Amino acid sequence: MNELRAAGISCDIDYEGSSLKSQMRSADKCGAKFVLIVGDDEAAKGEALLRDMSTKEQTVVKFPDVVAAVKGKLC
């Protein structure tokens, strides 16, 4: 999150441990364009799922490439 914010990308995190479905609903209500999903499996692999909220398309992104991937989708 720090790297995303440093790149000028606003972001938020769920500290409550809500279900993924609930988090997706909340992100949709907030008007999020993208959601970065990092579960235990993804963290172990050093990657995240980048989900486009309008198309529902998900792509796997390695942690070092997250900022570039998000910026690429926003342009």
PDB file of N, CA and C in Angstrom:
ATOM      1  N   MET A   1       0.816  -1.192   0.000  1.00  0.00           N
ATOM      2  CA  MET A   1       0.000   0.000   0.000  1.00  0.00           C
ATOM      3  C   MET A   1       0.860   1.257   0.000  1.00  0.00           C
ATOM      4  N   ASN A   2       1.949   1.210   0.726  1.00  0.00           N
ATOM      5  CA  ASN A   2       2.829   2.385   0.769  1.00  0.00           C
ATOM      6  C   ASN A   2       3.364   2.729  -0.619  1.00  0.00           C
ATOM      7  N   GLU A   3       3.741   1.712  -1.375  1.00  0.00           N
ATOM      8  CA  GLU A   3       4.263   1.954  -2.722  1.00  0.00           C
ATOM      9  C   GLU A   3       3.182   2.494  -3.643  1.00  0.00           C
ATOM     10  N   LEU A   4       1.962   1.982  -3.521  1.00  0.00           N
ATOM     11  CA  LEU A   4       0.858   2.485  -4.337  1.00  0.00           C
ATOM     12  C   LEU A   4       0.578   3.950  -3.995  1.00  0.00           C
ATOM     13  N   ARG A   5       0.522   4.258  -2.718  1.00  0.00           N
ATOM     14  CA  ARG A   5       0.267   5.642  -2.304  1.00  0.00           C
ATOM     15  C   ARG A   5       1.396   6.567  -2.737  1.00  0.00           C
ATOM     16  N   ALA A   6       2.640   6.095  -2.630  1.00  0.00           N
ATOM     17  CA  ALA A   6       3.777   6.905  -3.060  1.00  0.00           C
ATOM     18  C   ALA A   6       3.709   7.197  -4.557  1.00  0.00           C
ATOM     19  N   ALA A   7       3.073   6.306  -5.307  1.00  0.00           N
ATOM     20  CA  ALA A   7       2.912   6.491  -6.753  1.00  0.00           C
ATOM     21  C   ALA A   7       1.668   7.318  -7.084  1.00  0.00           C
ATOM     22  N   GLY A   8       0.991   7.824  -6.052  1.00  0.00           N
ATOM     23  CA  GLY A   8      -0.185   8.668  -6.269  1.00  0.00           C
ATOM     24  C   GLY A   8      -1.472   7.905  -6.483  1.00  0.00           C
ATOM     25  N   ILE A   9      -1.481   6.631  -6.111  1.00  0.00           N
ATOM     26  CA  ILE A   9      -2.665   5.793  -6.283  1.00  0.00           C
ATOM     27  C   ILE A   9      -3.344   5.627  -4.925  1.00  0.00           C
ATOM     28  N   SER A  10      -4.580   6.090  -4.819  1.00  0.00           N
ATOM     29  CA  SER A  10      -5.280   5.950  -3.544  1.00  0.00           C
ATOM     30  C   SER A  10      -5.698   4.491  -3.352  1.00  0.00           C
ATOM     31  N   CYS A  11      -5.611   4.038  -2.117  1.00  0.00           N
ATOM     32  CA  CYS A  11      -5.953   2.651  -1.828  1.00  0.00           C
ATOM     33  C   CYS A  11      -6.424   2.514  -0.389  1.00  0.00           C
ATOM     34  N   ASP A  12      -7.051   1.408  -0.121  1.00  0.00           N
ATOM     35  CA  ASP A  12      -7.589   1.130   1.204  1.00  0.00           C
ATOM     36  C   ASP A  12      -7.411  -0.354   1.476  1.00  0.00           C
ATOM     37  N   ILE A  13      -7.569  -0.742   2.722  1.00  0.00           N
ATOM     38  CA  ILE A  13      -7.408  -2.135   3.117  1.00  0.00           C
ATOM     39  C   ILE A  13      -8.518  -2.489   4.111  1.00  0.00           C
ATOM     40  N   ASP A  14      -8.904  -3.742   4.112  1.00  0.00           N
ATOM     41  CA  ASP A  14      -9.908  -4.215   5.067  1.00  0.00           C
ATOM     42  C   ASP A  14      -9.184  -4.760   6.294  1.00  0.00           C
ATOM     43  N   TYR A  15      -9.299  -4.061   7.403  1.00  0.00           N
ATOM     44  CA  TYR A  15      -8.665  -4.492   8.649  1.00  0.00           C
ATOM     45  C   TYR A  15      -9.582  -5.377   9.485  1.00  0.00           C
ATOM     46  N   GLU A  16     -10.840  -5.473   9.087  1.00  0.00           N
ATOM     47  CA  GLU A  16     -11.824  -6.205   9.882  1.00  0.00           C
ATOM     48  C   GLU A  16     -11.850  -7.695   9.586  1.00  0.00           C
ATOM     49  N   GLY A  17     -11.228  -8.111   8.504  1.00  0.00           N
ATOM     50  CA  GLY A  17     -11.231  -9.529   8.166  1.00  0.00           C
ATOM     51  C   GLY A  17     -12.562 -10.001   7.614  1.00  0.00           C
ATOM     52  N   SER A  18     -13.262  -9.124   6.924  1.00  0.00           N
ATOM     53  CA  SER A  18     -14.548  -9.474   6.320  1.00  0.00           C
ATOM     54  C   SER A  18     -14.341 -10.524   5.231  1.00  0.00           C
ATOM     55  N   SER A  19     -15.410 -11.172   4.850  1.00  0.00           N
ATOM     56  CA  SER A  19     -15.334 -12.168   3.783  1.00  0.00           C
ATOM     57  C   SER A  19     -14.970 -11.482   2.469  1.00  0.00           C
ATOM     58  N   LEU A  20     -14.410 -12.248   1.559  1.00  0.00           N
ATOM     59  CA  LEU A  20     -14.025 -11.691   0.258  1.00  0.00           C
ATOM     60  C   LEU A  20     -15.237 -11.109  -0.456  1.00  0.00           C
ATOM     61  N   LYS A  21     -16.367 -11.805  -0.386  1.00  0.00           N
ATOM     62  CA  LYS A  21     -17.590 -11.324  -1.029  1.00  0.00           C
ATOM     63  C   LYS A  21     -17.995  -9.966  -0.458  1.00  0.00           C
ATOM     64  N   SER A  22     -17.919  -9.832   0.850  1.00  0.00           N
ATOM     65  CA  SER A  22     -18.264  -8.578   1.506  1.00  0.00           C
ATOM     66  C   SER A  22     -17.292  -7.465   1.109  1.00  0.00           C
ATOM     67  N   GLN A  23     -16.025  -7.806   1.025  1.00  0.00           N
ATOM     68  CA  GLN A  23     -15.029  -6.817   0.620  1.00  0.00           C
ATOM     69  C   GLN A  23     -15.253  -6.356  -0.815  1.00  0.00           C
ATOM     70  N   MET A  24     -15.605  -7.276  -1.691  1.00  0.00           N
ATOM     71  CA  MET A  24     -15.880  -6.923  -3.091  1.00  0.00           C
ATOM     72  C   MET A  24     -17.094  -5.998  -3.183  1.00  0.00           C
ATOM     73  N   ARG A  25     -18.113  -6.305  -2.405  1.00  0.00           N
ATOM     74  CA  ARG A  25     -19.321  -5.478  -2.374  1.00  0.00           C
ATOM     75  C   ARG A  25     -18.977  -4.064  -1.892  1.00  0.00           C
ATOM     76  N   SER A  26     -18.169  -3.985  -0.847  1.00  0.00           N
ATOM     77  CA  SER A  26     -17.761  -2.698  -0.294  1.00  0.00           C
ATOM     78  C   SER A  26     -16.933  -1.908  -1.298  1.00  0.00           C
ATOM     79  N   ALA A  27     -16.017  -2.566  -1.976  1.00  0.00           N
ATOM     80  CA  ALA A  27     -15.186  -1.904  -2.994  1.00  0.00           C
ATOM     81  C   ALA A  27     -16.055  -1.388  -4.137  1.00  0.00           C
ATOM     82  N   ASP A  28     -17.055  -2.165  -4.512  1.00  0.00           N
ATOM     83  CA  ASP A  28     -17.968  -1.760  -5.579  1.00  0.00           C
ATOM     84  C   ASP A  28     -18.754  -0.524  -5.158  1.00  0.00           C
ATOM     85  N   LYS A  29     -19.241  -0.511  -3.917  1.00  0.00           N
ATOM     86  CA  LYS A  29     -19.991   0.646  -3.393  1.00  0.00           C
ATOM     87  C   LYS A  29     -19.135   1.901  -3.370  1.00  0.00           C
ATOM     88  N   CYS A  30     -17.858   1.740  -3.071  1.00  0.00           N
ATOM     89  CA  CYS A  30     -16.936   2.878  -2.994  1.00  0.00           C
ATOM     90  C   CYS A  30     -16.517   3.378  -4.367  1.00  0.00           C
ATOM     91  N   GLY A  31     -16.845   2.618  -5.403  1.00  0.00           N
ATOM     92  CA  GLY A  31     -16.481   3.012  -6.755  1.00  0.00           C
ATOM     93  C   GLY A  31     -15.061   2.636  -7.140  1.00  0.00           C
ATOM     94  N   ALA A  32     -14.509   1.628  -6.485  1.00  0.00           N
ATOM     95  CA  ALA A  32     -13.146   1.196  -6.806  1.00  0.00           C
ATOM     96  C   ALA A  32     -13.084   0.690  -8.244  1.00  0.00           C
ATOM     97  N   LYS A  33     -12.070   1.095  -8.966  1.00  0.00           N
ATOM     98  CA  LYS A  33     -11.894   0.627 -10.340  1.00  0.00           C
ATOM     99  C   LYS A  33     -11.215  -0.737 -10.353  1.00  0.00           C
ATOM    100  N   PHE A  34     -10.324  -0.941  -9.378  1.00  0.00           N
ATOM    101  CA  PHE A  34      -9.572  -2.184  -9.286  1.00  0.00           C
ATOM    102  C   PHE A  34      -9.485  -2.633  -7.841  1.00  0.00           C
ATOM    103  N   VAL A  35      -9.316  -3.925  -7.664  1.00  0.00           N
ATOM    104  CA  VAL A  35      -9.114  -4.499  -6.340  1.00  0.00           C
ATOM    105  C   VAL A  35      -7.883  -5.385  -6.423  1.00  0.00           C
ATOM    106  N   LEU A  36      -7.029  -5.257  -5.445  1.00  0.00           N
ATOM    107  CA  LEU A  36      -5.851  -6.098  -5.346  1.00  0.00           C
ATOM    108  C   LEU A  36      -6.123  -7.130  -4.261  1.00  0.00           C
ATOM    109  N   ILE A  37      -6.132  -8.396  -4.644  1.00  0.00           N
ATOM    110  CA  ILE A  37      -6.454  -9.478  -3.724  1.00  0.00           C
ATOM    111  C   ILE A  37      -5.180 -10.217  -3.344  1.00  0.00           C
ATOM    112  N   VAL A  38      -4.891 -10.239  -2.040  1.00  0.00           N
ATOM    113  CA  VAL A  38      -3.717 -10.951  -1.544  1.00  0.00           C
ATOM    114  C   VAL A  38      -4.173 -11.842  -0.388  1.00  0.00           C
ATOM    115  N   GLY A  39      -4.364 -13.109  -0.699  1.00  0.00           N
ATOM    116  CA  GLY A  39      -4.702 -14.091   0.315  1.00  0.00           C
ATOM    117  C   GLY A  39      -3.451 -14.840   0.741  1.00  0.00           C
ATOM    118  N   ASP A  40      -3.624 -15.828   1.581  1.00  0.00           N
ATOM    119  CA  ASP A  40      -2.480 -16.616   2.054  1.00  0.00           C
ATOM    120  C   ASP A  40      -1.735 -17.279   0.903  1.00  0.00           C
ATOM    121  N   ASP A  41      -2.476 -17.858  -0.040  1.00  0.00           N
ATOM    122  CA  ASP A  41      -1.850 -18.542  -1.186  1.00  0.00           C
ATOM    123  C   ASP A  41      -1.055 -17.564  -2.038  1.00  0.00           C
ATOM    124  N   GLU A  42      -1.644 -16.405  -2.304  1.00  0.00           N
ATOM    125  CA  GLU A  42      -0.971 -15.405  -3.122  1.00  0.00           C
ATOM    126  C   GLU A  42       0.285 -14.891  -2.407  1.00  0.00           C
ATOM    127  N   ALA A  43       0.161 -14.612  -1.120  1.00  0.00           N
ATOM    128  CA  ALA A  43       1.300 -14.103  -0.360  1.00  0.00           C
ATOM    129  C   ALA A  43       2.453 -15.103  -0.377  1.00  0.00           C
ATOM    130  N   ALA A  44       2.135 -16.379  -0.247  1.00  0.00           N
ATOM    131  CA  ALA A  44       3.168 -17.413  -0.259  1.00  0.00           C
ATOM    132  C   ALA A  44       3.902 -17.471  -1.609  1.00  0.00           C
ATOM    133  N   LYS A  45       3.190 -17.127  -2.675  1.00  0.00           N
ATOM    134  CA  LYS A  45       3.778 -17.141  -4.016  1.00  0.00           C
ATOM    135  C   LYS A  45       4.410 -15.802  -4.395  1.00  0.00           C
ATOM    136  N   GLY A  46       4.210 -14.775  -3.551  1.00  0.00           N
ATOM    137  CA  GLY A  46       4.752 -13.454  -3.866  1.00  0.00           C
ATOM    138  C   GLY A  46       4.012 -12.761  -4.977  1.00  0.00           C
ATOM    139  N   GLU A  47       2.697 -12.979  -5.015  1.00  0.00           N
ATOM    140  CA  GLU A  47       1.897 -12.377  -6.077  1.00  0.00           C
ATOM    141  C   GLU A  47       0.532 -11.966  -5.554  1.00  0.00           C
ATOM    142  N   ALA A  48      -0.193 -11.243  -6.375  1.00  0.00           N
ATOM    143  CA  ALA A  48      -1.532 -10.780  -6.034  1.00  0.00           C
ATOM    144  C   ALA A  48      -2.428 -10.929  -7.252  1.00  0.00           C
ATOM    145  N   LEU A  49      -3.721 -10.911  -7.013  1.00  0.00           N
ATOM    146  CA  LEU A  49      -4.688 -10.889  -8.105  1.00  0.00           C
ATOM    147  C   LEU A  49      -5.162  -9.451  -8.267  1.00  0.00           C
ATOM    148  N   LEU A  50      -5.057  -8.932  -9.473  1.00  0.00           N
ATOM    149  CA  LEU A  50      -5.542  -7.595  -9.780  1.00  0.00           C
ATOM    150  C   LEU A  50      -6.855  -7.758 -10.519  1.00  0.00           C
ATOM    151  N   ARG A  51      -7.939  -7.330  -9.889  1.00  0.00           N
ATOM    152  CA  ARG A  51      -9.281  -7.508 -10.449  1.00  0.00           C
ATOM    153  C   ARG A  51      -9.831  -6.179 -10.953  1.00  0.00           C
ATOM    154  N   ASP A  52     -10.222  -6.160 -12.203  1.00  0.00           N
ATOM    155  CA  ASP A  52     -10.885  -5.009 -12.803  1.00  0.00           C
ATOM    156  C   ASP A  52     -12.350  -5.099 -12.413  1.00  0.00           C
ATOM    157  N   MET A  53     -12.838  -4.126 -11.669  1.00  0.00           N
ATOM    158  CA  MET A  53     -14.195  -4.197 -11.146  1.00  0.00           C
ATOM    159  C   MET A  53     -15.268  -4.009 -12.216  1.00  0.00           C
ATOM    160  N   SER A  54     -14.925  -3.401 -13.335  1.00  0.00           N
ATOM    161  CA  SER A  54     -15.939  -3.222 -14.378  1.00  0.00           C
ATOM    162  C   SER A  54     -16.081  -4.454 -15.255  1.00  0.00           C
ATOM    163  N   THR A  55     -14.963  -5.111 -15.572  1.00  0.00           N
ATOM    164  CA  THR A  55     -15.016  -6.287 -16.449  1.00  0.00           C
ATOM    165  C   THR A  55     -14.974  -7.605 -15.680  1.00  0.00           C
ATOM    166  N   LYS A  56     -14.605  -7.531 -14.392  1.00  0.00           N
ATOM    167  CA  LYS A  56     -14.444  -8.713 -13.513  1.00  0.00           C
ATOM    168  C   LYS A  56     -13.253  -9.569 -13.924  1.00  0.00           C
ATOM    169  N   GLU A  57     -12.411  -9.057 -14.819  1.00  0.00           N
ATOM    170  CA  GLU A  57     -11.217  -9.776 -15.258  1.00  0.00           C
ATOM    171  C   GLU A  57     -10.157  -9.716 -14.163  1.00  0.00           C
ATOM    172  N   GLN A  58      -9.495 -10.843 -13.921  1.00  0.00           N
ATOM    173  CA  GLN A  58      -8.443 -10.913 -12.917  1.00  0.00           C
ATOM    174  C   GLN A  58      -7.137 -11.342 -13.576  1.00  0.00           C
ATOM    175  N   THR A  59      -6.049 -10.689 -13.187  1.00  0.00           N
ATOM    176  CA  THR A  59      -4.734 -11.069 -13.670  1.00  0.00           C
ATOM    177  C   THR A  59      -3.802 -11.250 -12.477  1.00  0.00           C
ATOM    178  N   VAL A  60      -2.880 -12.172 -12.625  1.00  0.00           N
ATOM    179  CA  VAL A  60      -1.893 -12.427 -11.578  1.00  0.00           C
ATOM    180  C   VAL A  60      -0.725 -11.467 -11.779  1.00  0.00           C
ATOM    181  N   VAL A  61      -0.323 -10.813 -10.688  1.00  0.00           N
ATOM    182  CA  VAL A  61       0.759  -9.839 -10.744  1.00  0.00           C
ATOM    183  C   VAL A  61       1.751 -10.142  -9.620  1.00  0.00           C
ATOM    184  N   LYS A  62       3.026 -10.216  -9.955  1.00  0.00           N
ATOM    185  CA  LYS A  62       4.067 -10.390  -8.942  1.00  0.00           C
ATOM    186  C   LYS A  62       4.173  -9.111  -8.114  1.00  0.00           C
ATOM    187  N   PHE A  63       4.478  -9.250  -6.820  1.00  0.00           N
ATOM    188  CA  PHE A  63       4.548  -8.093  -5.929  1.00  0.00           C
ATOM    189  C   PHE A  63       5.384  -6.932  -6.474  1.00  0.00           C
ATOM    190  N   PRO A  64       6.586  -7.181  -7.017  1.00  0.00           N
ATOM    191  CA  PRO A  64       7.384  -6.041  -7.514  1.00  0.00           C
ATOM    192  C   PRO A  64       6.741  -5.303  -8.692  1.00  0.00           C
ATOM    193  N   ASP A  65       5.791  -5.946  -9.359  1.00  0.00           N
ATOM    194  CA  ASP A  65       5.163  -5.356 -10.548  1.00  0.00           C
ATOM    195  C   ASP A  65       3.791  -4.737 -10.287  1.00  0.00           C
ATOM    196  N   VAL A  66       3.349  -4.717  -9.038  1.00  0.00           N
ATOM    197  CA  VAL A  66       1.987  -4.269  -8.725  1.00  0.00           C
ATOM    198  C   VAL A  66       1.763  -2.815  -9.121  1.00  0.00           C
ATOM    199  N   VAL A  67       2.653  -1.916  -8.725  1.00  0.00           N
ATOM    200  CA  VAL A  67       2.454  -0.490  -9.025  1.00  0.00           C
ATOM    201  C   VAL A  67       2.385  -0.263 -10.530  1.00  0.00           C
ATOM    202  N   ALA A  68       3.293  -0.854 -11.278  1.00  0.00           N
ATOM    203  CA  ALA A  68       3.299  -0.687 -12.735  1.00  0.00           C
ATOM    204  C   ALA A  68       2.028  -1.251 -13.353  1.00  0.00           C
ATOM    205  N   ALA A  69       1.558  -2.402 -12.832  1.00  0.00           N
ATOM    206  CA  ALA A  69       0.348  -3.021 -13.376  1.00  0.00           C
ATOM    207  C   ALA A  69      -0.878  -2.150 -13.132  1.00  0.00           C
ATOM    208  N   VAL A  70      -0.984  -1.608 -11.934  1.00  0.00           N
ATOM    209  CA  VAL A  70      -2.124  -0.742 -11.613  1.00  0.00           C
ATOM    210  C   VAL A  70      -2.061   0.530 -12.454  1.00  0.00           C
ATOM    211  N   LYS A  71      -0.882   1.142 -12.528  1.00  0.00           N
ATOM    212  CA  LYS A  71      -0.743   2.357 -13.345  1.00  0.00           C
ATOM    213  C   LYS A  71      -1.096   2.078 -14.798  1.00  0.00           C
ATOM    214  N   GLY A  72      -0.661   0.940 -15.305  1.00  0.00           N
ATOM    215  CA  GLY A  72      -0.965   0.565 -16.679  1.00  0.00           C
ATOM    216  C   GLY A  72      -2.447   0.417 -16.931  1.00  0.00           C
ATOM    217  N   LYS A  73      -3.167  -0.076 -15.955  1.00  0.00           N
ATOM    218  CA  LYS A  73      -4.620  -0.241 -16.091  1.00  0.00           C
ATOM    219  C   LYS A  73      -5.348   1.090 -15.970  1.00  0.00           C
ATOM    220  N   LEU A  74      -4.795   2.018 -15.202  1.00  0.00           N
ATOM    221  CA  LEU A  74      -5.457   3.302 -15.002  1.00  0.00           C
ATOM    222  C   LEU A  74      -5.322   4.235 -16.197  1.00  0.00           C
ATOM    223  N   CYS A  75      -4.310   4.017 -17.009  1.00  0.00           N
ATOM    224  CA  CYS A  75      -4.066   4.908 -18.170  1.00  0.00           C
ATOM    225  C   CYS A  75      -4.919   4.507 -19.352  1.00  0.00           C
TER     226      CYS A  75
END
